[in-house]
C-alpha atoms as a PDB file:
ATOM      1  CA  UNK A   1      -2.726  23.776   8.258  1.00  0.00           C
ATOM      2  CA  UNK A   2      -6.052  25.353   7.289  1.00  0.00           C
ATOM      3  CA  UNK A   3      -7.820  22.027   7.674  1.00  0.00           C
ATOM      4  CA  UNK A   4      -6.187  21.456  11.068  1.00  0.00           C
ATOM      5  CA  UNK A   5      -7.200  24.948  12.180  1.00  0.00           C
ATOM      6  CA  UNK A   6     -10.796  24.235  11.152  1.00  0.00           C
ATOM      7  CA  UNK A   7     -10.748  21.000  13.145  1.00  0.00           C
ATOM      8  CA  UNK A   8      -9.505  22.782  16.277  1.00  0.00           C
ATOM      9  CA  UNK A   9     -12.093  25.553  15.783  1.00  0.00           C
ATOM     10  CA  UNK A  10     -14.783  22.903  15.602  1.00  0.00           C
ATOM     11  CA  UNK A  11     -13.386  21.261  18.734  1.00  0.00           C
ATOM     12  CA  UNK A  12     -13.365  24.514  20.684  1.00  0.00           C
ATOM     13  CA  UNK A  13     -16.920  25.458  19.698  1.00  0.00           C
ATOM     14  CA  UNK A  14     -18.109  21.917  20.299  1.00  0.00           C
ATOM     15  CA  UNK A  15     -16.928  21.841  23.910  1.00  0.00           C
ATOM     16  CA  UNK A  16     -19.627  24.089  25.344  1.00  0.00           C
ATOM     17  CA  UNK A  17     -22.666  22.567  23.637  1.00  0.00           C
ATOM     18  CA  UNK A  18     -23.771  20.261  26.436  1.00  0.00           C
ATOM     19  CA  UNK A  19     -22.673  18.430  29.561  1.00  0.00           C
ATOM     20  CA  UNK A  20     -19.906  15.973  28.690  1.00  0.00           C
ATOM     21  CA  UNK A  21     -20.193  12.219  28.969  1.00  0.00           C
ATOM     22  CA  UNK A  22     -17.456  10.431  30.912  1.00  0.00           C
ATOM     23  CA  UNK A  23     -15.435   8.373  28.397  1.00  0.00           C
ATOM     24  CA  UNK A  24     -12.375   7.801  30.604  1.00  0.00           C
ATOM     25  CA  UNK A  25     -11.021   4.260  30.698  1.00  0.00           C
ATOM     26  CA  UNK A  26      -9.855   1.446  28.451  1.00  0.00           C
ATOM     27  CA  UNK A  27     -11.456   0.210  25.249  1.00  0.00           C
ATOM     28  CA  UNK A  28     -10.946  -2.330  22.440  1.00  0.00           C
ATOM     29  CA  UNK A  29     -12.447  -2.437  18.981  1.00  0.00           C
ATOM     30  CA  UNK A  30     -12.310  -3.256  15.296  1.00  0.00           C
ATOM     31  CA  UNK A  31     -12.345  -1.172  12.112  1.00  0.00           C
ATOM     32  CA  UNK A  32     -12.864  -1.624   8.387  1.00  0.00           C
ATOM     33  CA  UNK A  33     -12.418   0.886   5.593  1.00  0.00           C
ATOM     34  CA  UNK A  34     -10.888   1.954   2.310  1.00  0.00           C
ATOM     35  CA  UNK A  35      -7.185   2.672   1.775  1.00  0.00           C
ATOM     36  CA  UNK A  36      -5.921   4.871  -1.072  1.00  0.00           C
ATOM     37  CA  UNK A  37      -2.198   4.184  -1.310  1.00  0.00           C
ATOM     38  CA  UNK A  38       0.818   5.455  -3.240  1.00  0.00           C
ATOM     39  CA  UNK A  39       3.670   2.985  -3.635  1.00  0.00           C
ATOM     40  CA  UNK A  40       6.303   4.882  -5.587  1.00  0.00           C
ATOM     41  CA  UNK A  41       9.393   3.175  -7.022  1.00  0.00           C
ATOM     42  CA  UNK A  42      12.299   5.472  -7.951  1.00  0.00           C
ATOM     43  CA  UNK A  43      14.920   3.666 -10.035  1.00  0.00           C
ATOM     44  CA  UNK A  44      18.356   4.864  -8.977  1.00  0.00           C
ATOM     45  CA  UNK A  45      20.577   5.854 -11.868  1.00  0.00           C
ATOM     46  CA  UNK A  46      17.785   5.567 -14.431  1.00  0.00           C
ATOM     47  CA  UNK A  47      16.020   8.793 -13.488  1.00  0.00           C
ATOM     48  CA  UNK A  48      12.580   7.162 -13.770  1.00  0.00           C
ATOM     49  CA  UNK A  49       9.804   6.365 -11.308  1.00  0.00           C
ATOM     50  CA  UNK A  50       6.481   4.507 -11.269  1.00  0.00           C
ATOM     51  CA  UNK A  51       3.472   4.379  -8.946  1.00  0.00           C
ATOM     52  CA  UNK A  52       2.145   0.910  -8.145  1.00  0.00           C
ATOM     53  CA  UNK A  53      -0.525   1.898  -5.601  1.00  0.00           C
ATOM     54  CA  UNK A  54      -2.162  -0.088  -4.082  1.00  0.00           C
ATOM     55  CA  UNK A  55      -5.743   0.820  -3.165  1.00  0.00           C
ATOM     56  CA  UNK A  56      -8.054  -1.565  -1.354  1.00  0.00           C
ATOM     57  CA  UNK A  57     -10.015  -2.518   1.734  1.00  0.00           C
ATOM     58  CA  UNK A  58      -8.306  -2.786   5.111  1.00  0.00           C
ATOM     59  CA  UNK A  59      -9.580  -4.231   8.389  1.00  0.00           C
ATOM     60  CA  UNK A  60      -7.978  -4.090  11.803  1.00  0.00           C
ATOM     61  CA  UNK A  61      -8.175  -4.241  15.580  1.00  0.00           C
ATOM     62  CA  UNK A  62      -7.393  -1.527  18.125  1.00  0.00           C
ATOM     63  CA  UNK A  63      -6.984  -0.863  21.827  1.00  0.00           C
ATOM     64  CA  UNK A  64      -6.716   2.385  23.742  1.00  0.00           C
ATOM     65  CA  UNK A  65      -7.001   4.313  26.971  1.00  0.00           C
ATOM     66  CA  UNK A  66      -8.710   7.656  27.635  1.00  0.00           C
ATOM     67  CA  UNK A  67      -8.185  10.237  30.368  1.00  0.00           C
ATOM     68  CA  UNK A  68     -10.699  13.043  30.802  1.00  0.00           C
ATOM     69  CA  UNK A  69     -10.818  16.508  32.340  1.00  0.00           C
ATOM     70  CA  UNK A  70     -14.227  18.105  31.954  1.00  0.00           C
ATOM     71  CA  UNK A  71     -15.131  17.864  28.284  1.00  0.00           C
ATOM     72  CA  UNK A  72     -11.489  17.437  27.172  1.00  0.00           C
ATOM     73  CA  UNK A  73     -10.279  13.913  26.426  1.00  0.00           C
ATOM     74  CA  UNK A  74      -6.641  12.809  26.255  1.00  0.00           C
ATOM     75  CA  UNK A  75      -5.800   9.336  25.042  1.00  0.00           C
ATOM     76  CA  UNK A  76      -3.382   6.860  23.553  1.00  0.00           C
ATOM     77  CA  UNK A  77      -4.314   4.235  20.973  1.00  0.00           C
ATOM     78  CA  UNK A  78      -2.618   1.383  19.099  1.00  0.00           C
ATOM     79  CA  UNK A  79      -3.982  -0.445  16.070  1.00  0.00           C
ATOM     80  CA  UNK A  80      -2.903  -2.999  13.486  1.00  0.00           C
ATOM     81  CA  UNK A  81      -4.604  -3.836  10.207  1.00  0.00           C
ATOM     82  CA  UNK A  82      -4.302  -5.810   7.012  1.00  0.00           C
ATOM     83  CA  UNK A  83      -6.239  -6.367   3.817  1.00  0.00           C
ATOM     84  CA  UNK A  84      -6.069  -7.120   0.121  1.00  0.00           C
ATOM     85  CA  UNK A  85      -3.604  -4.295  -0.546  1.00  0.00           C
ATOM     86  CA  UNK A  86      -1.748  -5.353  -3.682  1.00  0.00           C
ATOM     87  CA  UNK A  87      -1.222  -3.778  -7.095  1.00  0.00           C
ATOM     88  CA  UNK A  88       1.229  -3.981  -9.993  1.00  0.00           C
ATOM     89  CA  UNK A  89       2.189  -2.097 -13.122  1.00  0.00           C
ATOM     90  CA  UNK A  90       4.727  -2.396 -15.901  1.00  0.00           C
ATOM     91  CA  UNK A  91       8.333  -1.674 -14.937  1.00  0.00           C
ATOM     92  CA  UNK A  92      10.139   0.989 -16.990  1.00  0.00           C
ATOM     93  CA  UNK A  93      11.856  -1.665 -19.146  1.00  0.00           C
ATOM     94  CA  UNK A  94       8.446  -3.313 -19.934  1.00  0.00           C
ATOM     95  CA  UNK A  95      10.066  -6.749 -19.562  1.00  0.00           C
ATOM     96  CA  UNK A  96       8.991  -7.063 -15.929  1.00  0.00           C
ATOM     97  CA  UNK A  97       5.928  -6.086 -13.930  1.00  0.00           C
ATOM     98  CA  UNK A  98       6.566  -4.273 -10.644  1.00  0.00           C
ATOM     99  CA  UNK A  99       4.273  -5.121  -7.725  1.00  0.00           C
ATOM    100  CA  UNK A 100       3.734  -3.591  -4.274  1.00  0.00           C
ATOM    101  CA  UNK A 101       1.976  -5.456  -1.462  1.00  0.00           C
ATOM    102  CA  UNK A 102       1.232  -4.119   2.007  1.00  0.00           C
ATOM    103  CA  UNK A 103       1.169  -7.042   4.435  1.00  0.00           C
ATOM    104  CA  UNK A 104       0.204  -5.034   7.532  1.00  0.00           C
ATOM    105  CA  UNK A 105      -0.002  -1.504   8.883  1.00  0.00           C
ATOM    106  CA  UNK A 106       0.207  -0.451  12.524  1.00  0.00           C
ATOM    107  CA  UNK A 107       0.115   2.857  14.402  1.00  0.00           C
ATOM    108  CA  UNK A 108       0.700   4.103  17.949  1.00  0.00           C
ATOM    109  CA  UNK A 109      -0.940   7.497  18.374  1.00  0.00           C
ATOM    110  CA  UNK A 110      -1.943  10.093  20.920  1.00  0.00           C
ATOM    111  CA  UNK A 111      -5.465  11.568  20.808  1.00  0.00           C
ATOM    112  CA  UNK A 112      -6.943  14.918  21.839  1.00  0.00           C
ATOM    113  CA  UNK A 113     -10.683  15.443  21.734  1.00  0.00           C
ATOM    114  CA  UNK A 114     -13.797  17.059  23.120  1.00  0.00           C
ATOM    115  CA  UNK A 115     -16.920  15.182  24.158  1.00  0.00           C
ATOM    116  CA  UNK A 116     -20.509  16.064  25.014  1.00  0.00           C
ATOM    117  CA  UNK A 117     -23.773  14.126  25.060  1.00  0.00           C
ATOM    118  CA  UNK A 118     -23.861  13.908  21.255  1.00  0.00           C
ATOM    119  CA  UNK A 119     -20.406  12.768  20.136  1.00  0.00           C
ATOM    120  CA  UNK A 120     -16.678  12.911  20.747  1.00  0.00           C
ATOM    121  CA  UNK A 121     -14.585  14.737  18.119  1.00  0.00           C
ATOM    122  CA  UNK A 122     -10.823  14.219  18.134  1.00  0.00           C
ATOM    123  CA  UNK A 123      -7.517  14.707  16.350  1.00  0.00           C
ATOM    124  CA  UNK A 124      -4.772  12.093  16.519  1.00  0.00           C
ATOM    125  CA  UNK A 125      -1.121  11.621  15.576  1.00  0.00           C
ATOM    126  CA  UNK A 126       1.923   9.474  16.239  1.00  0.00           C
ATOM    127  CA  UNK A 127       4.201   6.752  14.884  1.00  0.00           C
ATOM    128  CA  UNK A 128       3.420   4.188  12.186  1.00  0.00           C
ATOM    129  CA  UNK A 129       5.011   1.030  10.799  1.00  0.00           C
ATOM    130  CA  UNK A 130       4.213  -1.434   8.038  1.00  0.00           C
ATOM    131  CA  UNK A 131       5.504  -4.481   6.191  1.00  0.00           C
ATOM    132  CA  UNK A 132       5.820  -3.632   2.497  1.00  0.00           C
ATOM    133  CA  UNK A 133       6.747  -6.315  -0.060  1.00  0.00           C
ATOM    134  CA  UNK A 134       8.017  -5.321  -3.512  1.00  0.00           C
ATOM    135  CA  UNK A 135       8.469  -7.828  -6.313  1.00  0.00           C
ATOM    136  CA  UNK A 136       9.138  -8.112 -10.033  1.00  0.00           C
ATOM    137  CA  UNK A 137       8.210 -10.927 -12.424  1.00  0.00           C
ATOM    138  CA  UNK A 138       8.713 -11.321 -16.150  1.00  0.00           C
ATOM    139  CA  UNK A 139       5.945 -10.802 -18.709  1.00  0.00           C
ATOM    140  CA  UNK A 140       6.782 -13.944 -20.695  1.00  0.00           C
ATOM    141  CA  UNK A 141       5.704 -16.689 -18.259  1.00  0.00           C
ATOM    142  CA  UNK A 142       9.302 -17.832 -17.869  1.00  0.00           C
ATOM    143  CA  UNK A 143       9.098 -17.903 -14.078  1.00  0.00           C
ATOM    144  CA  UNK A 144      11.773 -15.239 -13.615  1.00  0.00           C
ATOM    145  CA  UNK A 145      10.994 -13.241 -10.481  1.00  0.00           C
ATOM    146  CA  UNK A 146      12.508 -11.527  -7.468  1.00  0.00           C
ATOM    147  CA  UNK A 147      11.077  -9.983  -4.286  1.00  0.00           C
ATOM    148  CA  UNK A 148      12.017  -8.320  -1.002  1.00  0.00           C
ATOM    149  CA  UNK A 149      10.069  -7.370   2.135  1.00  0.00           C
ATOM    150  CA  UNK A 150      10.893  -4.367   4.286  1.00  0.00           C
ATOM    151  CA  UNK A 151       9.454  -3.101   7.569  1.00  0.00           C
ATOM    152  CA  UNK A 152       9.073   0.637   7.052  1.00  0.00           C
ATOM    153  CA  UNK A 153       8.611   3.198   9.847  1.00  0.00           C
ATOM    154  CA  UNK A 154       7.008   6.626   9.608  1.00  0.00           C
ATOM    155  CA  UNK A 155       4.175   8.722  11.014  1.00  0.00           C
ATOM    156  CA  UNK A 156       0.394   8.911  11.005  1.00  0.00           C
ATOM    157  CA  UNK A 157      -2.167  11.668  11.717  1.00  0.00           C
ATOM    158  CA  UNK A 158      -5.880  12.189  11.304  1.00  0.00           C
ATOM    159  CA  UNK A 159      -9.220  13.091  12.857  1.00  0.00           C
ATOM    160  CA  UNK A 160     -12.460  11.378  13.737  1.00  0.00           C
ATOM    161  CA  UNK A 161     -15.826  11.379  15.451  1.00  0.00           C
ATOM    162  CA  UNK A 162     -16.965   8.740  17.919  1.00  0.00           C
ATOM    163  CA  UNK A 163     -19.887   7.755  20.107  1.00  0.00           C
ATOM    164  CA  UNK A 164     -19.984   9.458  23.533  1.00  0.00           C
ATOM    165  CA  UNK A 165     -21.050   6.209  25.256  1.00  0.00           C
ATOM    166  CA  UNK A 166     -19.299   6.042  28.630  1.00  0.00           C
ATOM    167  CA  UNK A 167     -19.457   2.238  28.748  1.00  0.00           C
ATOM    168  CA  UNK A 168     -20.502  -0.559  26.437  1.00  0.00           C
ATOM    169  CA  UNK A 169     -20.599  -0.570  22.643  1.00  0.00           C
ATOM    170  CA  UNK A 170     -19.742   2.575  20.687  1.00  0.00           C
ATOM    171  CA  UNK A 171     -19.037   3.615  17.086  1.00  0.00           C
ATOM    172  CA  UNK A 172     -16.457   5.724  15.266  1.00  0.00           C
ATOM    173  CA  UNK A 173     -15.712   7.229  11.831  1.00  0.00           C
ATOM    174  CA  UNK A 174     -12.071   8.159  11.209  1.00  0.00           C
ATOM    175  CA  UNK A 175      -9.761   9.528   8.536  1.00  0.00           C
ATOM    176  CA  UNK A 176      -6.079   8.658   8.904  1.00  0.00           C
ATOM    177  CA  UNK A 177      -3.070   9.641   6.780  1.00  0.00           C
ATOM    178  CA  UNK A 178      -0.018   7.367   7.090  1.00  0.00           C
ATOM    179  CA  UNK A 179       3.418   8.010   5.583  1.00  0.00           C
ATOM    180  CA  UNK A 180       6.031   5.251   5.945  1.00  0.00           C
ATOM    181  CA  UNK A 181       8.811   7.259   4.321  1.00  0.00           C
ATOM    182  CA  UNK A 182      11.248   5.534   1.978  1.00  0.00           C
ATOM    183  CA  UNK A 183      13.622   2.568   1.889  1.00  0.00           C
ATOM    184  CA  UNK A 184      16.185   1.271  -0.626  1.00  0.00           C
ATOM    185  CA  UNK A 185      15.446  -2.167  -2.101  1.00  0.00           C
ATOM    186  CA  UNK A 186      17.650  -4.180  -4.475  1.00  0.00           C
ATOM    187  CA  UNK A 187      15.973  -6.598  -6.901  1.00  0.00           C
ATOM    188  CA  UNK A 188      18.624  -8.562  -8.786  1.00  0.00           C
ATOM    189  CA  UNK A 189      16.313  -9.440 -11.671  1.00  0.00           C
ATOM    190  CA  UNK A 190      15.958  -5.739 -12.426  1.00  0.00           C
ATOM    191  CA  UNK A 191      19.725  -5.270 -11.968  1.00  0.00           C
ATOM    192  CA  UNK A 192      19.081  -2.095  -9.985  1.00  0.00           C
ATOM    193  CA  UNK A 193      18.323  -0.631  -6.582  1.00  0.00           C
ATOM    194  CA  UNK A 194      14.981   1.095  -6.112  1.00  0.00           C
ATOM    195  CA  UNK A 195      14.004   3.705  -3.567  1.00  0.00           C
ATOM    196  CA  UNK A 196      10.497   2.687  -2.508  1.00  0.00           C
ATOM    197  CA  UNK A 197       8.128   5.155  -0.844  1.00  0.00           C
ATOM    198  CA  UNK A 198       4.731   4.344   0.613  1.00  0.00           C
ATOM    199  CA  UNK A 199       1.914   6.487   1.994  1.00  0.00           C
ATOM    200  CA  UNK A 200      -1.847   6.086   2.231  1.00  0.00           C
ATOM    201  CA  UNK A 201      -5.078   7.775   3.243  1.00  0.00           C
ATOM    202  CA  UNK A 202      -7.650   5.630   5.029  1.00  0.00           C
ATOM    203  CA  UNK A 203     -11.327   6.306   5.701  1.00  0.00           C
ATOM    204  CA  UNK A 204     -12.678   3.717   8.113  1.00  0.00           C
ATOM    205  CA  UNK A 205     -15.595   2.970  10.401  1.00  0.00           C
ATOM    206  CA  UNK A 206     -15.413   0.939  13.563  1.00  0.00           C
ATOM    207  CA  UNK A 207     -17.034  -0.453  16.672  1.00  0.00           C
ATOM    208  CA  UNK A 208     -15.436  -0.334  20.095  1.00  0.00           C
ATOM    209  CA  UNK A 209     -16.265  -1.639  23.532  1.00  0.00           C
ATOM    210  CA  UNK A 210     -15.524   0.659  26.472  1.00  0.00           C
ATOM    211  CA  UNK A 211     -14.928  -0.930  29.873  1.00  0.00           C
END
């Protein structure tokens, strides 16, 4: 809450600096950045849990629409991304390795910001979804393995700063926290059901074209 309050304080003080650019309208773009993820497996009945990550690079595409009143900007934005997001660690029984892969992540968010001649600063939040694959394979090269993929749904929120360009090419830097909640997954080779949780923090840069 303190961080959010600081962001809004910055937004309020930022609004009166200079005459605002007009950033109303549609835009498309692309982003790339770093994801720091937590893929937690909780083994039901065993009372144990592990964290498989993963961390890695993620790239994506986005599209959005802005409305503007004075220096205040309201908007809606959707994005989808993917990357080499995969990591594994030893399962509690040490016979198998447990692996988490994130196939894709997507968000649909509202945005609230302030713009002047220098930059647009904004906060954002909304729904999120992702395809998370969990798998287990033996440590003895016997080819024993099992896997399951689940589409998980949760929420996402963050803040960013973007170019004030009214039309044409612009830039952005954005931090986004995404929490996909939890889902129960049964892997027969582990003879158990796991509660899998996934959340991540992303720091990404991007280019966008405003029409």
